Amino acid sequence: MQNLTKEDILQHALVNEGSVEIRTALPATPLKTQQWAEHFCTLFNFKLSETDWGADRFQAIIAASASNTDLQCMLCIEWLCEAIWLEPIGTQQSPSVIFNYLLQA
């Protein structure tokens, strides 16, 4: 697994209408995917839960672990479209809220 830093992820993050895309190399195996997700959560103080695997995708609900922040989003990794992105969950969230959290974490 490449040793990603906060700066790497923020440099490769792109906010669009429905998500925050993270334009980095995709993990090559299920184990590397789990490690990537755990590393990402550690870097940005997220708690990983409710993981789900499909034929060509991985999804997990992640929540900010800071007590003063009520942020939840879906971490999506999909090999078919070769993308990693964060999707807002709920009406209180938006891609810009997620990105701002990443900047401040």
PDB file of N, CA and C in Angstrom:
ATOM      1  N   MET A   1       0.835  -1.183   0.000  1.00  0.00           N
ATOM      2  CA  MET A   1       0.000   0.000   0.000  1.00  0.00           C
ATOM      3  C   MET A   1       0.877   1.243   0.000  1.00  0.00           C
ATOM      4  N   GLN A   2       0.513   2.173  -0.859  1.00  0.00           N
ATOM      5  CA  GLN A   2       1.240   3.425  -0.845  1.00  0.00           C
ATOM      6  C   GLN A   2       0.998   4.135   0.468  1.00  0.00           C
ATOM      7  N   ASN A   3       1.985   4.847   0.946  1.00  0.00           N
ATOM      8  CA  ASN A   3       1.877   5.512   2.229  1.00  0.00           C
ATOM      9  C   ASN A   3       1.267   6.896   2.014  1.00  0.00           C
ATOM     10  N   LEU A   4      -0.055   6.951   1.995  1.00  0.00           N
ATOM     11  CA  LEU A   4      -0.744   8.218   1.773  1.00  0.00           C
ATOM     12  C   LEU A   4      -0.720   9.075   3.018  1.00  0.00           C
ATOM     13  N   THR A   5      -0.615  10.363   2.796  1.00  0.00           N
ATOM     14  CA  THR A   5      -0.688  11.335   3.886  1.00  0.00           C
ATOM     15  C   THR A   5      -1.943  12.178   3.694  1.00  0.00           C
ATOM     16  N   LYS A   6      -2.283  12.957   4.697  1.00  0.00           N
ATOM     17  CA  LYS A   6      -3.401  13.896   4.572  1.00  0.00           C
ATOM     18  C   LYS A   6      -3.197  14.808   3.373  1.00  0.00           C
ATOM     19  N   GLU A   7      -1.963  15.293   3.247  1.00  0.00           N
ATOM     20  CA  GLU A   7      -1.655  16.223   2.160  1.00  0.00           C
ATOM     21  C   GLU A   7      -1.871  15.566   0.795  1.00  0.00           C
ATOM     22  N   ASP A   8      -1.465  14.299   0.652  1.00  0.00           N
ATOM     23  CA  ASP A   8      -1.680  13.584  -0.617  1.00  0.00           C
ATOM     24  C   ASP A   8      -3.168  13.517  -0.950  1.00  0.00           C
ATOM     25  N   ILE A   9      -3.955  13.136   0.041  1.00  0.00           N
ATOM     26  CA  ILE A   9      -5.389  12.983  -0.194  1.00  0.00           C
ATOM     27  C   ILE A   9      -6.033  14.324  -0.511  1.00  0.00           C
ATOM     28  N   LEU A  10      -5.706  15.352   0.261  1.00  0.00           N
ATOM     29  CA  LEU A  10      -6.292  16.671   0.009  1.00  0.00           C
ATOM     30  C   LEU A  10      -5.876  17.224  -1.344  1.00  0.00           C
ATOM     31  N   GLN A  11      -4.644  16.961  -1.736  1.00  0.00           N
ATOM     32  CA  GLN A  11      -4.155  17.434  -3.032  1.00  0.00           C
ATOM     33  C   GLN A  11      -4.904  16.759  -4.189  1.00  0.00           C
ATOM     34  N   HIS A  12      -5.354  15.522  -3.965  1.00  0.00           N
ATOM     35  CA  HIS A  12      -6.029  14.762  -5.016  1.00  0.00           C
ATOM     36  C   HIS A  12      -7.545  14.716  -4.840  1.00  0.00           C
ATOM     37  N   ALA A  13      -8.078  15.546  -3.946  1.00  0.00           N
ATOM     38  CA  ALA A  13      -9.519  15.578  -3.709  1.00  0.00           C
ATOM     39  C   ALA A  13     -10.181  16.587  -4.643  1.00  0.00           C
ATOM     40  N   LEU A  14     -11.320  16.202  -5.163  1.00  0.00           N
ATOM     41  CA  LEU A  14     -12.071  17.054  -6.075  1.00  0.00           C
ATOM     42  C   LEU A  14     -13.528  17.064  -5.620  1.00  0.00           C
ATOM     43  N   VAL A  15     -14.031  18.249  -5.291  1.00  0.00           N
ATOM     44  CA  VAL A  15     -15.421  18.383  -4.866  1.00  0.00           C
ATOM     45  C   VAL A  15     -16.273  18.557  -6.118  1.00  0.00           C
ATOM     46  N   ASN A  16     -17.302  17.711  -6.245  1.00  0.00           N
ATOM     47  CA  ASN A  16     -18.240  17.899  -7.346  1.00  0.00           C
ATOM     48  C   ASN A  16     -19.657  17.932  -6.800  1.00  0.00           C
ATOM     49  N   GLU A  17     -20.643  17.898  -7.641  1.00  0.00           N
ATOM     50  CA  GLU A  17     -22.030  18.106  -7.225  1.00  0.00           C
ATOM     51  C   GLU A  17     -22.523  17.104  -6.183  1.00  0.00           C
ATOM     52  N   GLY A  18     -22.114  15.844  -6.304  1.00  0.00           N
ATOM     53  CA  GLY A  18     -22.664  14.837  -5.413  1.00  0.00           C
ATOM     54  C   GLY A  18     -21.686  14.148  -4.500  1.00  0.00           C
ATOM     55  N   SER A  19     -20.387  14.461  -4.631  1.00  0.00           N
ATOM     56  CA  SER A  19     -19.403  13.721  -3.840  1.00  0.00           C
ATOM     57  C   SER A  19     -18.072  14.461  -3.783  1.00  0.00           C
ATOM     58  N   VAL A  20     -17.181  13.895  -2.979  1.00  0.00           N
ATOM     59  CA  VAL A  20     -15.788  14.338  -2.963  1.00  0.00           C
ATOM     60  C   VAL A  20     -14.986  13.176  -3.521  1.00  0.00           C
ATOM     61  N   GLU A  21     -14.450  13.362  -4.700  1.00  0.00           N
ATOM     62  CA  GLU A  21     -13.665  12.311  -5.355  1.00  0.00           C
ATOM     63  C   GLU A  21     -12.218  12.410  -4.887  1.00  0.00           C
ATOM     64  N   ILE A  22     -11.621  11.257  -4.628  1.00  0.00           N
ATOM     65  CA  ILE A  22     -10.212  11.204  -4.227  1.00  0.00           C
ATOM     66  C   ILE A  22      -9.464  10.480  -5.342  1.00  0.00           C
ATOM     67  N   ARG A  23      -8.725  11.236  -6.130  1.00  0.00           N
ATOM     68  CA  ARG A  23      -8.076  10.708  -7.331  1.00  0.00           C
ATOM     69  C   ARG A  23      -6.687  10.152  -7.017  1.00  0.00           C
ATOM     70  N   THR A  24      -6.685   9.001  -6.374  1.00  0.00           N
ATOM     71  CA  THR A  24      -5.444   8.295  -6.081  1.00  0.00           C
ATOM     72  C   THR A  24      -5.560   6.878  -6.611  1.00  0.00           C
ATOM     73  N   ALA A  25      -4.447   6.173  -6.607  1.00  0.00           N
ATOM     74  CA  ALA A  25      -4.449   4.788  -7.067  1.00  0.00           C
ATOM     75  C   ALA A  25      -5.344   3.928  -6.185  1.00  0.00           C
ATOM     76  N   LEU A  26      -6.078   3.023  -6.801  1.00  0.00           N
ATOM     77  CA  LEU A  26      -6.966   2.143  -6.059  1.00  0.00           C
ATOM     78  C   LEU A  26      -6.179   1.009  -5.420  1.00  0.00           C
ATOM     79  N   PRO A  27      -6.618   0.549  -4.251  1.00  0.00           N
ATOM     80  CA  PRO A  27      -5.973  -0.606  -3.635  1.00  0.00           C
ATOM     81  C   PRO A  27      -6.150  -1.831  -4.539  1.00  0.00           C
ATOM     82  N   ALA A  28      -5.154  -2.715  -4.528  1.00  0.00           N
ATOM     83  CA  ALA A  28      -5.133  -3.829  -5.477  1.00  0.00           C
ATOM     84  C   ALA A  28      -5.853  -5.090  -4.998  1.00  0.00           C
ATOM     85  N   THR A  29      -6.027  -5.249  -3.706  1.00  0.00           N
ATOM     86  CA  THR A  29      -6.629  -6.476  -3.171  1.00  0.00           C
ATOM     87  C   THR A  29      -7.641  -6.123  -2.075  1.00  0.00           C
ATOM     88  N   PRO A  30      -8.480  -7.074  -1.684  1.00  0.00           N
ATOM     89  CA  PRO A  30      -9.391  -6.804  -0.561  1.00  0.00           C
ATOM     90  C   PRO A  30      -8.657  -6.417   0.725  1.00  0.00           C
ATOM     91  N   LEU A  31      -7.542  -7.081   1.026  1.00  0.00           N
ATOM     92  CA  LEU A  31      -6.780  -6.731   2.224  1.00  0.00           C
ATOM     93  C   LEU A  31      -6.229  -5.315   2.114  1.00  0.00           C
ATOM     94  N   LYS A  32      -5.675  -4.955   0.969  1.00  0.00           N
ATOM     95  CA  LYS A  32      -5.151  -3.598   0.766  1.00  0.00           C
ATOM     96  C   LYS A  32      -6.280  -2.564   0.848  1.00  0.00           C
ATOM     97  N   THR A  33      -7.473  -2.945   0.398  1.00  0.00           N
ATOM     98  CA  THR A  33      -8.622  -2.046   0.484  1.00  0.00           C
ATOM     99  C   THR A  33      -8.988  -1.787   1.939  1.00  0.00           C
ATOM    100  N   GLN A  34      -9.051  -2.852   2.732  1.00  0.00           N
ATOM    101  CA  GLN A  34      -9.358  -2.697   4.153  1.00  0.00           C
ATOM    102  C   GLN A  34      -8.299  -1.827   4.837  1.00  0.00           C
ATOM    103  N   GLN A  35      -7.034  -2.067   4.505  1.00  0.00           N
ATOM    104  CA  GLN A  35      -5.948  -1.274   5.081  1.00  0.00           C
ATOM    105  C   GLN A  35      -6.044   0.186   4.642  1.00  0.00           C
ATOM    106  N   TRP A  36      -6.368   0.428   3.380  1.00  0.00           N
ATOM    107  CA  TRP A  36      -6.500   1.792   2.873  1.00  0.00           C
ATOM    108  C   TRP A  36      -7.603   2.522   3.631  1.00  0.00           C
ATOM    109  N   ALA A  37      -8.756   1.861   3.766  1.00  0.00           N
ATOM    110  CA  ALA A  37      -9.893   2.465   4.455  1.00  0.00           C
ATOM    111  C   ALA A  37      -9.547   2.768   5.913  1.00  0.00           C
ATOM    112  N   GLU A  38      -8.897   1.846   6.588  1.00  0.00           N
ATOM    113  CA  GLU A  38      -8.515   2.060   7.987  1.00  0.00           C
ATOM    114  C   GLU A  38      -7.508   3.198   8.109  1.00  0.00           C
ATOM    115  N   HIS A  39      -6.547   3.246   7.189  1.00  0.00           N
ATOM    116  CA  HIS A  39      -5.544   4.313   7.203  1.00  0.00           C
ATOM    117  C   HIS A  39      -6.214   5.674   6.957  1.00  0.00           C
ATOM    118  N   PHE A  40      -7.104   5.733   5.983  1.00  0.00           N
ATOM    119  CA  PHE A  40      -7.838   6.958   5.679  1.00  0.00           C
ATOM    120  C   PHE A  40      -8.600   7.432   6.920  1.00  0.00           C
ATOM    121  N   CYS A  41      -9.289   6.511   7.577  1.00  0.00           N
ATOM    122  CA  CYS A  41     -10.066   6.860   8.772  1.00  0.00           C
ATOM    123  C   CYS A  41      -9.160   7.355   9.899  1.00  0.00           C
ATOM    124  N   THR A  42      -8.002   6.748  10.053  1.00  0.00           N
ATOM    125  CA  THR A  42      -7.055   7.195  11.073  1.00  0.00           C
ATOM    126  C   THR A  42      -6.571   8.610  10.771  1.00  0.00           C
ATOM    127  N   LEU A  43      -6.243   8.875   9.511  1.00  0.00           N
ATOM    128  CA  LEU A  43      -5.738  10.196   9.126  1.00  0.00           C
ATOM    129  C   LEU A  43      -6.744  11.310   9.408  1.00  0.00           C
ATOM    130  N   PHE A  44      -8.020  11.019   9.186  1.00  0.00           N
ATOM    131  CA  PHE A  44      -9.030  12.067   9.267  1.00  0.00           C
ATOM    132  C   PHE A  44     -10.007  11.893  10.437  1.00  0.00           C
ATOM    133  N   ASN A  45      -9.628  11.092  11.415  1.00  0.00           N
ATOM    134  CA  ASN A  45     -10.440  10.901  12.623  1.00  0.00           C
ATOM    135  C   ASN A  45     -11.869  10.450  12.319  1.00  0.00           C
ATOM    136  N   PHE A  46     -11.974   9.464  11.450  1.00  0.00           N
ATOM    137  CA  PHE A  46     -13.256   8.836  11.159  1.00  0.00           C
ATOM    138  C   PHE A  46     -13.324   7.488  11.855  1.00  0.00           C
ATOM    139  N   LYS A  47     -14.528   7.048  12.123  1.00  0.00           N
ATOM    140  CA  LYS A  47     -14.761   5.712  12.638  1.00  0.00           C
ATOM    141  C   LYS A  47     -15.399   4.903  11.510  1.00  0.00           C
ATOM    142  N   LEU A  48     -14.818   3.766  11.183  1.00  0.00           N
ATOM    143  CA  LEU A  48     -15.265   2.917  10.082  1.00  0.00           C
ATOM    144  C   LEU A  48     -16.312   1.936  10.578  1.00  0.00           C
ATOM    145  N   SER A  49     -17.428   1.835   9.847  1.00  0.00           N
ATOM    146  CA  SER A  49     -18.450   0.858  10.219  1.00  0.00           C
ATOM    147  C   SER A  49     -19.244   0.435   8.992  1.00  0.00           C
ATOM    148  N   GLU A  50     -20.018  -0.586   9.161  1.00  0.00           N
ATOM    149  CA  GLU A  50     -20.939  -1.076   8.132  1.00  0.00           C
ATOM    150  C   GLU A  50     -20.287  -1.196   6.755  1.00  0.00           C
ATOM    151  N   THR A  51     -19.271  -2.024   6.658  1.00  0.00           N
ATOM    152  CA  THR A  51     -18.624  -2.241   5.363  1.00  0.00           C
ATOM    153  C   THR A  51     -19.450  -3.213   4.524  1.00  0.00           C
ATOM    154  N   ASP A  52     -19.387  -3.023   3.230  1.00  0.00           N
ATOM    155  CA  ASP A  52     -20.139  -3.859   2.301  1.00  0.00           C
ATOM    156  C   ASP A  52     -19.287  -4.085   1.056  1.00  0.00           C
ATOM    157  N   TRP A  53     -19.225  -5.332   0.627  1.00  0.00           N
ATOM    158  CA  TRP A  53     -18.454  -5.692  -0.564  1.00  0.00           C
ATOM    159  C   TRP A  53     -19.395  -6.120  -1.675  1.00  0.00           C
ATOM    160  N   GLY A  54     -19.071  -5.706  -2.885  1.00  0.00           N
ATOM    161  CA  GLY A  54     -19.759  -6.176  -4.078  1.00  0.00           C
ATOM    162  C   GLY A  54     -18.717  -6.782  -4.996  1.00  0.00           C
ATOM    163  N   ALA A  55     -19.127  -7.178  -6.173  1.00  0.00           N
ATOM    164  CA  ALA A  55     -18.207  -7.814  -7.113  1.00  0.00           C
ATOM    165  C   ALA A  55     -17.038  -6.908  -7.476  1.00  0.00           C
ATOM    166  N   ASP A  56     -17.315  -5.624  -7.628  1.00  0.00           N
ATOM    167  CA  ASP A  56     -16.257  -4.693  -8.034  1.00  0.00           C
ATOM    168  C   ASP A  56     -16.268  -3.412  -7.208  1.00  0.00           C
ATOM    169  N   ARG A  57     -16.807  -3.493  -5.989  1.00  0.00           N
ATOM    170  CA  ARG A  57     -16.880  -2.288  -5.176  1.00  0.00           C
ATOM    171  C   ARG A  57     -16.774  -2.604  -3.689  1.00  0.00           C
ATOM    172  N   PHE A  58     -16.371  -1.581  -2.951  1.00  0.00           N
ATOM    173  CA  PHE A  58     -16.323  -1.606  -1.489  1.00  0.00           C
ATOM    174  C   PHE A  58     -17.008  -0.345  -1.008  1.00  0.00           C
ATOM    175  N   GLN A  59     -17.865  -0.479  -0.009  1.00  0.00           N
ATOM    176  CA  GLN A  59     -18.515   0.689   0.576  1.00  0.00           C
ATOM    177  C   GLN A  59     -18.464   0.555   2.088  1.00  0.00           C
ATOM    178  N   ALA A  60     -18.355   1.696   2.750  1.00  0.00           N
ATOM    179  CA  ALA A  60     -18.379   1.708   4.211  1.00  0.00           C
ATOM    180  C   ALA A  60     -18.947   3.034   4.684  1.00  0.00           C
ATOM    181  N   ILE A  61     -19.682   2.975   5.759  1.00  0.00           N
ATOM    182  CA  ILE A  61     -20.130   4.201   6.403  1.00  0.00           C
ATOM    183  C   ILE A  61     -19.020   4.640   7.338  1.00  0.00           C
ATOM    184  N   ILE A  62     -18.655   5.904   7.220  1.00  0.00           N
ATOM    185  CA  ILE A  62     -17.644   6.457   8.117  1.00  0.00           C
ATOM    186  C   ILE A  62     -18.246   7.677   8.809  1.00  0.00           C
ATOM    187  N   ALA A  63     -17.884   7.842  10.062  1.00  0.00           N
ATOM    188  CA  ALA A  63     -18.414   8.948  10.857  1.00  0.00           C
ATOM    189  C   ALA A  63     -17.272   9.647  11.558  1.00  0.00           C
ATOM    190  N   ALA A  64     -17.360  10.950  11.620  1.00  0.00           N
ATOM    191  CA  ALA A  64     -16.349  11.728  12.334  1.00  0.00           C
ATOM    192  C   ALA A  64     -16.387  11.329  13.800  1.00  0.00           C
ATOM    193  N   SER A  65     -15.220  11.083  14.362  1.00  0.00           N
ATOM    194  CA  SER A  65     -15.175  10.643  15.757  1.00  0.00           C
ATOM    195  C   SER A  65     -15.037  11.801  16.737  1.00  0.00           C
ATOM    196  N   ALA A  66     -14.912  13.019  16.239  1.00  0.00           N
ATOM    197  CA  ALA A  66     -14.845  14.186  17.123  1.00  0.00           C
ATOM    198  C   ALA A  66     -16.221  14.416  17.740  1.00  0.00           C
ATOM    199  N   SER A  67     -16.249  14.671  19.024  1.00  0.00           N
ATOM    200  CA  SER A  67     -17.523  14.799  19.734  1.00  0.00           C
ATOM    201  C   SER A  67     -18.327  16.022  19.294  1.00  0.00           C
ATOM    202  N   ASN A  68     -17.665  17.031  18.762  1.00  0.00           N
ATOM    203  CA  ASN A  68     -18.369  18.250  18.352  1.00  0.00           C
ATOM    204  C   ASN A  68     -18.779  18.236  16.873  1.00  0.00           C
ATOM    205  N   THR A  69     -18.561  17.124  16.198  1.00  0.00           N
ATOM    206  CA  THR A  69     -18.858  17.038  14.769  1.00  0.00           C
ATOM    207  C   THR A  69     -19.831  15.899  14.517  1.00  0.00           C
ATOM    208  N   ASP A  70     -20.922  16.206  13.814  1.00  0.00           N
ATOM    209  CA  ASP A  70     -21.914  15.191  13.480  1.00  0.00           C
ATOM    210  C   ASP A  70     -21.865  14.974  11.966  1.00  0.00           C
ATOM    211  N   LEU A  71     -20.833  14.301  11.517  1.00  0.00           N
ATOM    212  CA  LEU A  71     -20.638  14.085  10.085  1.00  0.00           C
ATOM    213  C   LEU A  71     -20.585  12.597   9.794  1.00  0.00           C
ATOM    214  N   GLN A  72     -21.420  12.167   8.876  1.00  0.00           N
ATOM    215  CA  GLN A  72     -21.396  10.796   8.385  1.00  0.00           C
ATOM    216  C   GLN A  72     -21.365  10.846   6.871  1.00  0.00           C
ATOM    217  N   CYS A  73     -20.608   9.924   6.281  1.00  0.00           N
ATOM    218  CA  CYS A  73     -20.607   9.821   4.838  1.00  0.00           C
ATOM    219  C   CYS A  73     -20.282   8.388   4.433  1.00  0.00           C
ATOM    220  N   MET A  74     -20.451   8.120   3.164  1.00  0.00           N
ATOM    221  CA  MET A  74     -20.181   6.807   2.615  1.00  0.00           C
ATOM    222  C   MET A  74     -18.850   6.860   1.873  1.00  0.00           C
ATOM    223  N   LEU A  75     -17.932   5.975   2.254  1.00  0.00           N
ATOM    224  CA  LEU A  75     -16.672   5.818   1.528  1.00  0.00           C
ATOM    225  C   LEU A  75     -16.906   4.753   0.469  1.00  0.00           C
ATOM    226  N   CYS A  76     -16.675   5.096  -0.776  1.00  0.00           N
ATOM    227  CA  CYS A  76     -16.913   4.183  -1.897  1.00  0.00           C
ATOM    228  C   CYS A  76     -15.620   3.978  -2.681  1.00  0.00           C
ATOM    229  N   ILE A  77     -15.293   2.740  -2.935  1.00  0.00           N
ATOM    230  CA  ILE A  77     -14.161   2.403  -3.801  1.00  0.00           C
ATOM    231  C   ILE A  77     -14.718   1.459  -4.850  1.00  0.00           C
ATOM    232  N   GLU A  78     -14.579   1.836  -6.103  1.00  0.00           N
ATOM    233  CA  GLU A  78     -15.132   1.019  -7.175  1.00  0.00           C
ATOM    234  C   GLU A  78     -14.094   0.808  -8.263  1.00  0.00           C
ATOM    235  N   TRP A  79     -13.839  -0.457  -8.546  1.00  0.00           N
ATOM    236  CA  TRP A  79     -12.806  -0.802  -9.516  1.00  0.00           C
ATOM    237  C   TRP A  79     -13.302  -0.693 -10.950  1.00  0.00           C
ATOM    238  N   LEU A  80     -14.588  -0.899 -11.190  1.00  0.00           N
ATOM    239  CA  LEU A  80     -15.119  -0.822 -12.545  1.00  0.00           C
ATOM    240  C   LEU A  80     -14.935   0.572 -13.135  1.00  0.00           C
ATOM    241  N   CYS A  81     -15.218   1.598 -12.342  1.00  0.00           N
ATOM    242  CA  CYS A  81     -15.027   2.970 -12.828  1.00  0.00           C
ATOM    243  C   CYS A  81     -13.729   3.579 -12.302  1.00  0.00           C
ATOM    244  N   GLU A  82     -12.939   2.770 -11.596  1.00  0.00           N
ATOM    245  CA  GLU A  82     -11.631   3.177 -11.074  1.00  0.00           C
ATOM    246  C   GLU A  82     -11.713   4.494 -10.305  1.00  0.00           C
ATOM    247  N   ALA A  83     -12.505   4.472  -9.229  1.00  0.00           N
ATOM    248  CA  ALA A  83     -12.710   5.710  -8.475  1.00  0.00           C
ATOM    249  C   ALA A  83     -12.852   5.439  -6.980  1.00  0.00           C
ATOM    250  N   ILE A  84     -12.462   6.441  -6.212  1.00  0.00           N
ATOM    251  CA  ILE A  84     -12.670   6.484  -4.770  1.00  0.00           C
ATOM    252  C   ILE A  84     -13.391   7.799  -4.499  1.00  0.00           C
ATOM    253  N   TRP A  85     -14.483   7.734  -3.717  1.00  0.00           N
ATOM    254  CA  TRP A  85     -15.179   8.961  -3.411  1.00  0.00           C
ATOM    255  C   TRP A  85     -15.904   8.861  -2.072  1.00  0.00           C
ATOM    256  N   LEU A  86     -16.255  10.039  -1.551  1.00  0.00           N
ATOM    257  CA  LEU A  86     -17.032  10.170  -0.323  1.00  0.00           C
ATOM    258  C   LEU A  86     -18.368  10.786  -0.695  1.00  0.00           C
ATOM    259  N   GLU A  87     -19.437  10.137  -0.254  1.00  0.00           N
ATOM    260  CA  GLU A  87     -20.789  10.576  -0.560  1.00  0.00           C
ATOM    261  C   GLU A  87     -21.487  11.014   0.714  1.00  0.00           C
ATOM    262  N   PRO A  88     -22.168  12.143   0.704  1.00  0.00           N
ATOM    263  CA  PRO A  88     -22.875  12.582   1.908  1.00  0.00           C
ATOM    264  C   PRO A  88     -24.005  11.623   2.272  1.00  0.00           C
ATOM    265  N   ILE A  89     -24.273  11.518   3.575  1.00  0.00           N
ATOM    266  CA  ILE A  89     -25.419  10.764   4.071  1.00  0.00           C
ATOM    267  C   ILE A  89     -26.304  11.752   4.816  1.00  0.00           C
ATOM    268  N   GLY A  90     -27.555  11.812   4.458  1.00  0.00           N
ATOM    269  CA  GLY A  90     -28.493  12.689   5.153  1.00  0.00           C
ATOM    270  C   GLY A  90     -28.574  14.071   4.540  1.00  0.00           C
ATOM    271  N   THR A  91     -29.588  14.788   4.944  1.00  0.00           N
ATOM    272  CA  THR A  91     -29.848  16.105   4.358  1.00  0.00           C
ATOM    273  C   THR A  91     -28.961  17.202   4.938  1.00  0.00           C
ATOM    274  N   GLN A  92     -28.336  16.954   6.078  1.00  0.00           N
ATOM    275  CA  GLN A  92     -27.482  17.962   6.710  1.00  0.00           C
ATOM    276  C   GLN A  92     -26.078  17.991   6.098  1.00  0.00           C
ATOM    277  N   GLN A  93     -25.767  17.026   5.258  1.00  0.00           N
ATOM    278  CA  GLN A  93     -24.410  16.895   4.714  1.00  0.00           C
ATOM    279  C   GLN A  93     -24.383  17.307   3.242  1.00  0.00           C
ATOM    280  N   SER A  94     -23.204  17.675   2.787  1.00  0.00           N
ATOM    281  CA  SER A  94     -22.986  17.994   1.377  1.00  0.00           C
ATOM    282  C   SER A  94     -21.515  17.727   1.070  1.00  0.00           C
ATOM    283  N   PRO A  95     -21.163  17.629  -0.202  1.00  0.00           N
ATOM    284  CA  PRO A  95     -19.750  17.447  -0.528  1.00  0.00           C
ATOM    285  C   PRO A  95     -18.857  18.548   0.041  1.00  0.00           C
ATOM    286  N   SER A  96     -19.327  19.784   0.051  1.00  0.00           N
ATOM    287  CA  SER A  96     -18.500  20.875   0.584  1.00  0.00           C
ATOM    288  C   SER A  96     -18.308  20.743   2.095  1.00  0.00           C
ATOM    289  N   VAL A  97     -19.325  20.262   2.817  1.00  0.00           N
ATOM    290  CA  VAL A  97     -19.190  20.029   4.254  1.00  0.00           C
ATOM    291  C   VAL A  97     -18.147  18.945   4.506  1.00  0.00           C
ATOM    292  N   ILE A  98     -18.193  17.882   3.710  1.00  0.00           N
ATOM    293  CA  ILE A  98     -17.214  16.798   3.847  1.00  0.00           C
ATOM    294  C   ILE A  98     -15.807  17.322   3.576  1.00  0.00           C
ATOM    295  N   PHE A  99     -15.641  18.068   2.490  1.00  0.00           N
ATOM    296  CA  PHE A  99     -14.321  18.586   2.142  1.00  0.00           C
ATOM    297  C   PHE A  99     -13.792  19.528   3.218  1.00  0.00           C
ATOM    298  N   ASN A 100     -14.656  20.392   3.728  1.00  0.00           N
ATOM    299  CA  ASN A 100     -14.233  21.304   4.798  1.00  0.00           C
ATOM    300  C   ASN A 100     -13.794  20.527   6.040  1.00  0.00           C
ATOM    301  N   TYR A 101     -14.490  19.440   6.344  1.00  0.00           N
ATOM    302  CA  TYR A 101     -14.083  18.609   7.472  1.00  0.00           C
ATOM    303  C   TYR A 101     -12.685  18.025   7.219  1.00  0.00           C
ATOM    304  N   LEU A 102     -12.458  17.530   6.003  1.00  0.00           N
ATOM    305  CA  LEU A 102     -11.134  16.968   5.679  1.00  0.00           C
ATOM    306  C   LEU A 102     -10.042  18.022   5.839  1.00  0.00           C
ATOM    307  N   LEU A 103     -10.325  19.241   5.444  1.00  0.00           N
ATOM    308  CA  LEU A 103      -9.338  20.314   5.579  1.00  0.00           C
ATOM    309  C   LEU A 103      -9.013  20.624   7.029  1.00  0.00           C
ATOM    310  N   GLN A 104      -9.998  20.477   7.902  1.00  0.00           N
ATOM    311  CA  GLN A 104      -9.808  20.851   9.304  1.00  0.00           C
ATOM    312  C   GLN A 104      -9.409  19.693  10.196  1.00  0.00           C
ATOM    313  N   ALA A 105      -9.535  18.474   9.710  1.00  0.00           N
ATOM    314  CA  ALA A 105      -9.234  17.286  10.552  1.00  0.00           C
ATOM    315  C   ALA A 105      -7.745  17.187  10.857  1.00  0.00           C
TER     316      ALA A 105
END
